[in-house]
N, C-alpha and C. Protein backbone atom coordinates (compact mmCIF):
# COMPACT_ATOMS: atom_id res chain seq x y z
N MET A 1 -10.25 -31.91 3.80
CA MET A 1 -9.63 -31.39 2.58
C MET A 1 -9.64 -29.94 2.38
N VAL A 2 -8.61 -29.12 2.44
CA VAL A 2 -8.65 -27.80 2.40
C VAL A 2 -7.87 -27.25 1.18
N ASN A 3 -8.44 -26.61 0.29
CA ASN A 3 -7.83 -26.10 -0.93
C ASN A 3 -7.05 -24.68 -0.65
N SER A 4 -6.69 -23.93 -1.45
CA SER A 4 -5.75 -22.84 -1.17
C SER A 4 -6.80 -21.80 -0.80
N LEU A 5 -7.93 -21.74 -1.24
CA LEU A 5 -8.96 -20.62 -0.94
C LEU A 5 -9.29 -20.82 0.61
N GLY A 6 -9.39 -22.16 0.88
CA GLY A 6 -9.81 -22.50 2.22
C GLY A 6 -8.85 -22.01 3.32
N ARG A 7 -7.50 -22.16 2.80
CA ARG A 7 -6.41 -21.77 3.78
C ARG A 7 -6.40 -20.22 4.00
N ARG A 8 -7.00 -19.54 3.05
CA ARG A 8 -7.07 -18.14 3.08
C ARG A 8 -8.29 -17.57 3.63
N ARG A 9 -9.36 -18.22 4.05
CA ARG A 9 -10.57 -17.87 4.52
C ARG A 9 -10.53 -16.83 5.54
N TRP A 10 -9.46 -16.97 6.52
CA TRP A 10 -9.32 -16.01 7.57
C TRP A 10 -8.91 -14.65 7.21
N LEU A 11 -8.44 -14.45 5.93
CA LEU A 11 -7.88 -13.25 5.58
C LEU A 11 -8.77 -12.07 5.49
N GLY A 12 -10.18 -12.32 4.91
CA GLY A 12 -11.06 -11.28 4.96
C GLY A 12 -11.48 -10.90 6.36
N ALA A 13 -11.74 -11.76 7.32
CA ALA A 13 -12.21 -11.31 8.50
C ALA A 13 -11.05 -10.43 9.24
N ILE A 14 -9.79 -10.91 9.03
CA ILE A 14 -8.61 -10.20 9.75
C ILE A 14 -8.73 -8.80 9.16
N VAL A 15 -8.47 -8.74 7.89
CA VAL A 15 -8.49 -7.46 7.20
C VAL A 15 -9.68 -6.49 7.51
N TRP A 16 -10.89 -6.99 7.51
CA TRP A 16 -11.88 -6.19 7.96
C TRP A 16 -11.91 -5.74 9.32
N ALA A 17 -11.51 -6.52 10.37
CA ALA A 17 -11.32 -6.06 11.62
C ALA A 17 -10.28 -5.18 11.90
N ALA A 18 -9.27 -5.33 10.97
CA ALA A 18 -8.12 -4.29 11.18
C ALA A 18 -8.66 -2.87 10.64
N ALA A 19 -9.47 -2.92 9.50
CA ALA A 19 -10.08 -1.70 8.89
C ALA A 19 -10.96 -1.07 9.88
N ILE A 20 -11.82 -1.81 10.64
CA ILE A 20 -12.72 -1.35 11.70
C ILE A 20 -11.76 -0.44 12.63
N LEU A 21 -10.91 -1.10 13.09
CA LEU A 21 -9.89 -0.57 14.34
C LEU A 21 -9.13 0.84 13.63
N VAL A 22 -8.85 0.60 12.51
CA VAL A 22 -8.16 2.03 11.67
C VAL A 22 -9.25 3.18 11.63
N VAL A 23 -10.39 2.89 11.36
CA VAL A 23 -11.42 3.95 11.20
C VAL A 23 -11.97 4.39 12.67
N SER A 24 -11.87 3.24 13.70
CA SER A 24 -12.17 3.90 15.02
C SER A 24 -11.26 4.69 15.51
N SER A 25 -9.97 4.50 14.98
CA SER A 25 -8.88 5.35 15.82
C SER A 25 -8.71 6.79 15.08
N ILE A 26 -9.43 7.01 14.21
CA ILE A 26 -9.42 8.48 13.49
C ILE A 26 -10.01 9.43 14.57
N PRO A 27 -9.38 10.39 14.82
CA PRO A 27 -9.86 11.51 15.88
C PRO A 27 -11.02 12.28 15.26
N SER A 28 -12.00 12.57 15.78
CA SER A 28 -13.19 13.25 15.50
C SER A 28 -13.54 13.38 14.06
N PRO A 29 -13.92 12.32 13.48
CA PRO A 29 -14.21 12.36 12.02
C PRO A 29 -15.27 13.45 11.58
N THR A 30 -15.07 14.08 10.64
CA THR A 30 -15.95 15.04 10.10
C THR A 30 -16.53 14.48 8.67
N LEU A 31 -17.42 14.03 8.75
CA LEU A 31 -18.07 13.49 7.42
C LEU A 31 -19.12 14.32 6.91
N GLY A 32 -19.42 15.36 7.61
CA GLY A 32 -20.55 16.33 7.27
C GLY A 32 -21.76 15.89 8.03
N PRO A 33 -22.90 16.51 7.91
CA PRO A 33 -24.17 16.42 8.67
C PRO A 33 -24.73 15.00 8.24
N PRO A 34 -25.35 14.39 9.21
CA PRO A 34 -25.94 13.02 9.17
C PRO A 34 -27.08 13.05 7.86
N LEU A 35 -27.11 12.07 7.21
CA LEU A 35 -28.09 11.99 6.09
C LEU A 35 -29.49 11.95 6.72
N PHE A 36 -29.60 11.22 7.82
CA PHE A 36 -30.96 11.04 8.62
C PHE A 36 -30.53 10.74 10.01
N PRO A 37 -31.43 10.85 10.99
CA PRO A 37 -31.29 10.45 12.29
C PRO A 37 -30.81 9.05 12.34
N GLY A 38 -29.81 8.71 13.29
CA GLY A 38 -29.49 7.43 13.38
C GLY A 38 -28.76 6.76 12.15
N CYS A 39 -28.17 7.53 11.27
CA CYS A 39 -27.44 6.97 10.37
C CYS A 39 -26.15 6.39 10.64
N ASP A 40 -25.61 6.89 11.67
CA ASP A 40 -24.34 6.15 12.15
C ASP A 40 -24.48 4.87 12.76
N LYS A 41 -25.83 4.64 13.35
CA LYS A 41 -26.11 3.18 13.69
C LYS A 41 -26.25 2.23 12.48
N VAL A 42 -26.72 2.76 11.50
CA VAL A 42 -26.76 1.87 10.16
C VAL A 42 -25.23 1.65 9.71
N ALA A 43 -24.47 2.57 9.86
CA ALA A 43 -23.03 2.35 9.42
C ALA A 43 -22.40 1.25 10.35
N HIS A 44 -22.69 1.37 11.61
CA HIS A 44 -22.10 0.31 12.58
C HIS A 44 -22.64 -1.01 12.36
N PHE A 45 -23.94 -1.06 11.95
CA PHE A 45 -24.71 -2.38 11.73
C PHE A 45 -24.16 -3.01 10.44
N ILE A 46 -23.77 -2.30 9.34
CA ILE A 46 -23.24 -2.73 8.26
C ILE A 46 -21.91 -3.12 8.23
N GLU A 47 -20.95 -2.30 8.91
CA GLU A 47 -19.61 -2.78 9.25
C GLU A 47 -19.46 -4.15 9.96
N TYR A 48 -20.28 -4.23 10.93
CA TYR A 48 -20.13 -5.38 11.70
C TYR A 48 -21.05 -6.67 11.13
N LEU A 49 -22.00 -6.23 10.19
CA LEU A 49 -22.58 -7.23 9.48
C LEU A 49 -21.67 -8.04 8.48
N ILE A 50 -20.79 -7.25 7.81
CA ILE A 50 -19.71 -7.75 7.16
C ILE A 50 -18.69 -8.56 7.85
N LEU A 51 -18.38 -8.06 8.90
CA LEU A 51 -17.49 -8.65 9.69
C LEU A 51 -18.03 -10.16 10.18
N GLY A 52 -19.37 -10.09 10.64
CA GLY A 52 -20.15 -11.27 10.93
C GLY A 52 -20.06 -12.50 9.78
N LEU A 53 -20.23 -11.88 8.63
CA LEU A 53 -20.18 -12.85 7.34
C LEU A 53 -18.94 -13.41 7.15
N ALA A 54 -17.88 -12.43 7.28
CA ALA A 54 -16.38 -12.89 6.99
C ALA A 54 -16.01 -13.99 8.19
N LEU A 55 -16.43 -13.58 9.33
CA LEU A 55 -16.13 -14.60 10.50
C LEU A 55 -16.87 -16.05 10.24
N ARG A 56 -17.98 -15.87 9.81
CA ARG A 56 -18.78 -17.29 9.53
C ARG A 56 -18.38 -17.98 8.48
N TYR A 57 -17.86 -17.24 7.31
CA TYR A 57 -17.15 -17.99 6.24
C TYR A 57 -15.89 -18.60 6.73
N TRP A 58 -15.23 -17.75 7.42
CA TRP A 58 -13.84 -18.41 8.22
C TRP A 58 -14.00 -19.56 8.94
N THR A 59 -14.92 -19.49 9.92
CA THR A 59 -15.20 -20.74 10.94
C THR A 59 -16.10 -21.73 10.47
N GLY A 60 -17.06 -21.21 9.75
CA GLY A 60 -18.17 -22.19 9.53
C GLY A 60 -19.17 -22.14 10.54
N GLY A 61 -19.13 -21.40 11.72
CA GLY A 61 -19.98 -21.38 12.68
C GLY A 61 -19.27 -21.61 14.08
N GLY A 62 -20.02 -21.58 14.99
CA GLY A 62 -19.60 -21.67 16.41
C GLY A 62 -19.86 -20.51 17.27
N VAL A 63 -20.28 -21.04 18.54
CA VAL A 63 -20.55 -20.06 19.64
C VAL A 63 -19.43 -19.19 20.05
N ALA A 64 -18.26 -19.81 20.11
CA ALA A 64 -17.11 -19.17 20.59
C ALA A 64 -16.58 -18.04 19.76
N MET A 65 -16.71 -18.19 18.38
CA MET A 65 -16.25 -17.02 17.71
C MET A 65 -17.25 -16.00 17.58
N GLY A 66 -18.55 -16.28 17.78
CA GLY A 66 -19.43 -15.25 17.87
C GLY A 66 -19.35 -14.35 19.18
N ALA A 67 -18.97 -15.20 20.16
CA ALA A 67 -18.75 -14.49 21.45
C ALA A 67 -17.66 -13.68 21.36
N ALA A 68 -16.58 -14.16 20.66
CA ALA A 68 -15.12 -13.36 20.48
C ALA A 68 -15.49 -12.06 19.62
N ALA A 69 -16.29 -12.07 18.72
CA ALA A 69 -16.76 -11.09 17.98
C ALA A 69 -17.55 -9.96 18.78
N LEU A 70 -18.26 -10.36 19.63
CA LEU A 70 -19.05 -9.45 20.56
C LEU A 70 -18.03 -8.60 21.48
N VAL A 71 -17.02 -9.43 21.84
CA VAL A 71 -16.04 -8.80 22.84
C VAL A 71 -15.18 -7.72 22.06
N PHE A 72 -14.94 -8.26 20.70
CA PHE A 72 -14.23 -7.42 19.84
C PHE A 72 -15.04 -5.86 19.68
N ALA A 73 -16.24 -6.26 19.48
CA ALA A 73 -17.11 -4.95 19.22
C ALA A 73 -17.15 -3.95 20.56
N ALA A 74 -17.13 -4.70 21.74
CA ALA A 74 -17.26 -3.95 23.03
C ALA A 74 -16.01 -3.34 23.11
N LEU A 75 -14.85 -3.94 22.86
CA LEU A 75 -13.39 -3.47 23.23
C LEU A 75 -13.23 -2.29 22.08
N ASP A 76 -13.86 -2.40 20.97
CA ASP A 76 -13.61 -1.25 19.97
C ASP A 76 -14.56 0.04 20.49
N GLU A 77 -15.58 -0.26 21.16
CA GLU A 77 -16.33 0.82 21.77
C GLU A 77 -15.41 1.42 22.97
N ILE A 78 -14.87 0.86 23.79
CA ILE A 78 -14.12 1.19 24.99
C ILE A 78 -12.88 1.92 24.23
N HIS A 79 -12.33 1.38 23.27
CA HIS A 79 -11.03 2.05 22.67
C HIS A 79 -11.35 3.46 22.05
N GLN A 80 -12.58 3.58 21.60
CA GLN A 80 -13.07 4.94 21.07
C GLN A 80 -13.17 6.01 22.19
N ARG A 81 -13.31 5.46 23.50
CA ARG A 81 -13.39 6.37 24.55
C ARG A 81 -12.13 7.32 24.64
N PHE A 82 -11.09 6.68 24.26
CA PHE A 82 -9.59 7.47 24.36
C PHE A 82 -9.22 7.97 22.99
N ILE A 83 -9.96 8.17 22.13
CA ILE A 83 -9.79 8.92 20.89
C ILE A 83 -10.40 10.17 20.94
N PRO A 84 -9.56 11.34 20.83
CA PRO A 84 -10.10 12.73 20.81
C PRO A 84 -11.23 12.83 19.71
N GLY A 85 -12.30 13.26 20.17
CA GLY A 85 -13.65 13.51 19.42
C GLY A 85 -14.32 12.39 19.31
N ARG A 86 -14.16 11.27 19.82
CA ARG A 86 -14.92 10.08 19.67
C ARG A 86 -15.49 9.68 21.07
N GLU A 87 -16.55 8.88 21.14
CA GLU A 87 -17.03 8.48 22.41
C GLU A 87 -17.61 7.11 22.34
N MET A 88 -17.59 6.50 23.64
CA MET A 88 -18.18 5.19 23.84
C MET A 88 -19.61 5.29 23.85
N SER A 89 -20.28 4.36 23.07
CA SER A 89 -21.72 4.39 23.00
C SER A 89 -22.27 3.03 23.18
N PHE A 90 -23.19 2.74 24.15
CA PHE A 90 -24.04 1.35 24.31
C PHE A 90 -24.73 1.30 22.93
N TRP A 91 -25.33 2.27 22.39
CA TRP A 91 -26.12 2.00 21.10
C TRP A 91 -25.35 1.67 19.96
N ASP A 92 -24.01 2.36 19.83
CA ASP A 92 -23.36 1.91 18.79
C ASP A 92 -22.93 0.33 18.98
N PHE A 93 -22.56 0.05 20.23
CA PHE A 93 -22.37 -1.51 20.47
C PHE A 93 -23.55 -2.23 19.99
N ALA A 94 -24.78 -1.84 20.45
CA ALA A 94 -26.04 -2.56 20.05
C ALA A 94 -26.14 -2.93 18.67
N ALA A 95 -25.83 -1.71 17.80
CA ALA A 95 -25.90 -1.88 16.35
C ALA A 95 -24.69 -2.89 15.85
N ASP A 96 -23.64 -2.80 16.44
CA ASP A 96 -22.65 -3.67 16.18
C ASP A 96 -23.05 -5.20 16.32
N ALA A 97 -23.61 -5.26 17.54
CA ALA A 97 -24.04 -6.63 17.97
C ALA A 97 -25.07 -7.08 16.96
N ALA A 98 -26.16 -6.13 16.64
CA ALA A 98 -27.23 -6.74 15.66
C ALA A 98 -26.54 -7.00 14.47
N GLY A 99 -25.54 -6.38 13.76
CA GLY A 99 -25.09 -6.53 12.54
C GLY A 99 -24.19 -7.82 12.55
N LEU A 100 -23.61 -8.11 13.69
CA LEU A 100 -22.90 -9.45 13.79
C LEU A 100 -23.85 -10.64 13.76
N ALA A 101 -24.91 -10.34 14.62
CA ALA A 101 -25.82 -11.48 14.56
C ALA A 101 -26.50 -11.83 13.19
N VAL A 102 -26.86 -10.81 12.47
CA VAL A 102 -27.45 -10.96 11.16
C VAL A 102 -26.51 -11.52 10.21
N GLY A 103 -25.17 -10.99 10.11
CA GLY A 103 -24.19 -11.55 9.22
C GLY A 103 -23.82 -13.00 9.63
N TYR A 104 -23.51 -13.13 10.91
CA TYR A 104 -22.89 -14.44 11.42
C TYR A 104 -23.83 -15.55 11.40
N LEU A 105 -25.14 -15.26 11.97
CA LEU A 105 -26.17 -16.25 11.98
C LEU A 105 -27.00 -16.49 10.92
N ALA A 106 -27.63 -15.45 10.50
CA ALA A 106 -28.71 -15.50 9.42
C ALA A 106 -28.02 -15.68 7.91
N LEU A 107 -27.39 -14.63 7.53
CA LEU A 107 -26.91 -14.67 6.18
C LEU A 107 -25.66 -15.44 6.11
N GLY A 108 -24.96 -15.65 7.10
CA GLY A 108 -23.68 -16.56 7.12
C GLY A 108 -24.14 -17.98 6.69
N ARG A 109 -25.23 -18.35 7.42
CA ARG A 109 -25.67 -19.73 7.29
C ARG A 109 -26.17 -19.98 5.76
N LYS A 110 -26.91 -18.89 5.22
CA LYS A 110 -27.39 -19.00 3.87
C LYS A 110 -26.23 -19.09 2.85
N ILE A 111 -25.32 -18.34 3.13
CA ILE A 111 -24.16 -18.29 2.15
C ILE A 111 -23.35 -19.68 2.32
N LEU A 112 -23.09 -20.20 3.33
CA LEU A 112 -22.52 -21.59 3.65
C LEU A 112 -23.32 -22.45 2.94
N THR A 113 -24.48 -22.51 2.98
CA THR A 113 -25.33 -23.73 2.46
C THR A 113 -25.35 -23.57 0.96
N ARG A 114 -25.31 -22.42 0.37
CA ARG A 114 -25.06 -22.10 -0.99
C ARG A 114 -23.67 -22.61 -1.66
N HIS A 115 -22.77 -22.18 -0.71
CA HIS A 115 -21.38 -22.52 -1.08
C HIS A 115 -21.11 -24.11 -1.23
N LYS A 116 -21.71 -24.82 -0.30
CA LYS A 116 -21.69 -26.16 -0.20
C LYS A 116 -22.49 -26.95 -1.05
N GLY A 117 -23.47 -26.26 -1.76
CA GLY A 117 -24.32 -26.75 -2.71
C GLY A 117 -25.41 -27.39 -2.15
N ILE A 118 -25.78 -27.14 -0.85
CA ILE A 118 -26.90 -27.82 0.00
C ILE A 118 -28.18 -26.90 -0.23
N GLU A 119 -29.34 -27.31 -0.36
CA GLU A 119 -30.46 -26.40 -0.40
C GLU A 119 -30.79 -26.28 1.03
N GLY A 120 -31.52 -25.11 1.45
CA GLY A 120 -31.81 -24.81 2.89
C GLY A 120 -32.12 -23.58 3.06
């Protein structure tokens, strides 16, 4: 049984993934000096944590969607290689993957259990 909200669960994940691609396509972003060393990795972690949450909410779980999200993160890093002033980084991908894992696996499970009214 799917209500009108359930039919639109995918919207958040699609919009957020599109936003990631838009931001990744901006040449040579100048946001000022970093607040602290590695703060860009924190930003990567948070943006993919949100994507992981949105995907988990959309799908309810599953290995295939988690793997697809990792492929998306890898392709986003490769895509940045072709944007002026950007670079492809393994460590950015690692932060993306960590954010996905936390959002999709840990926090996503907690949100779904609360949403369904099940304690756990």
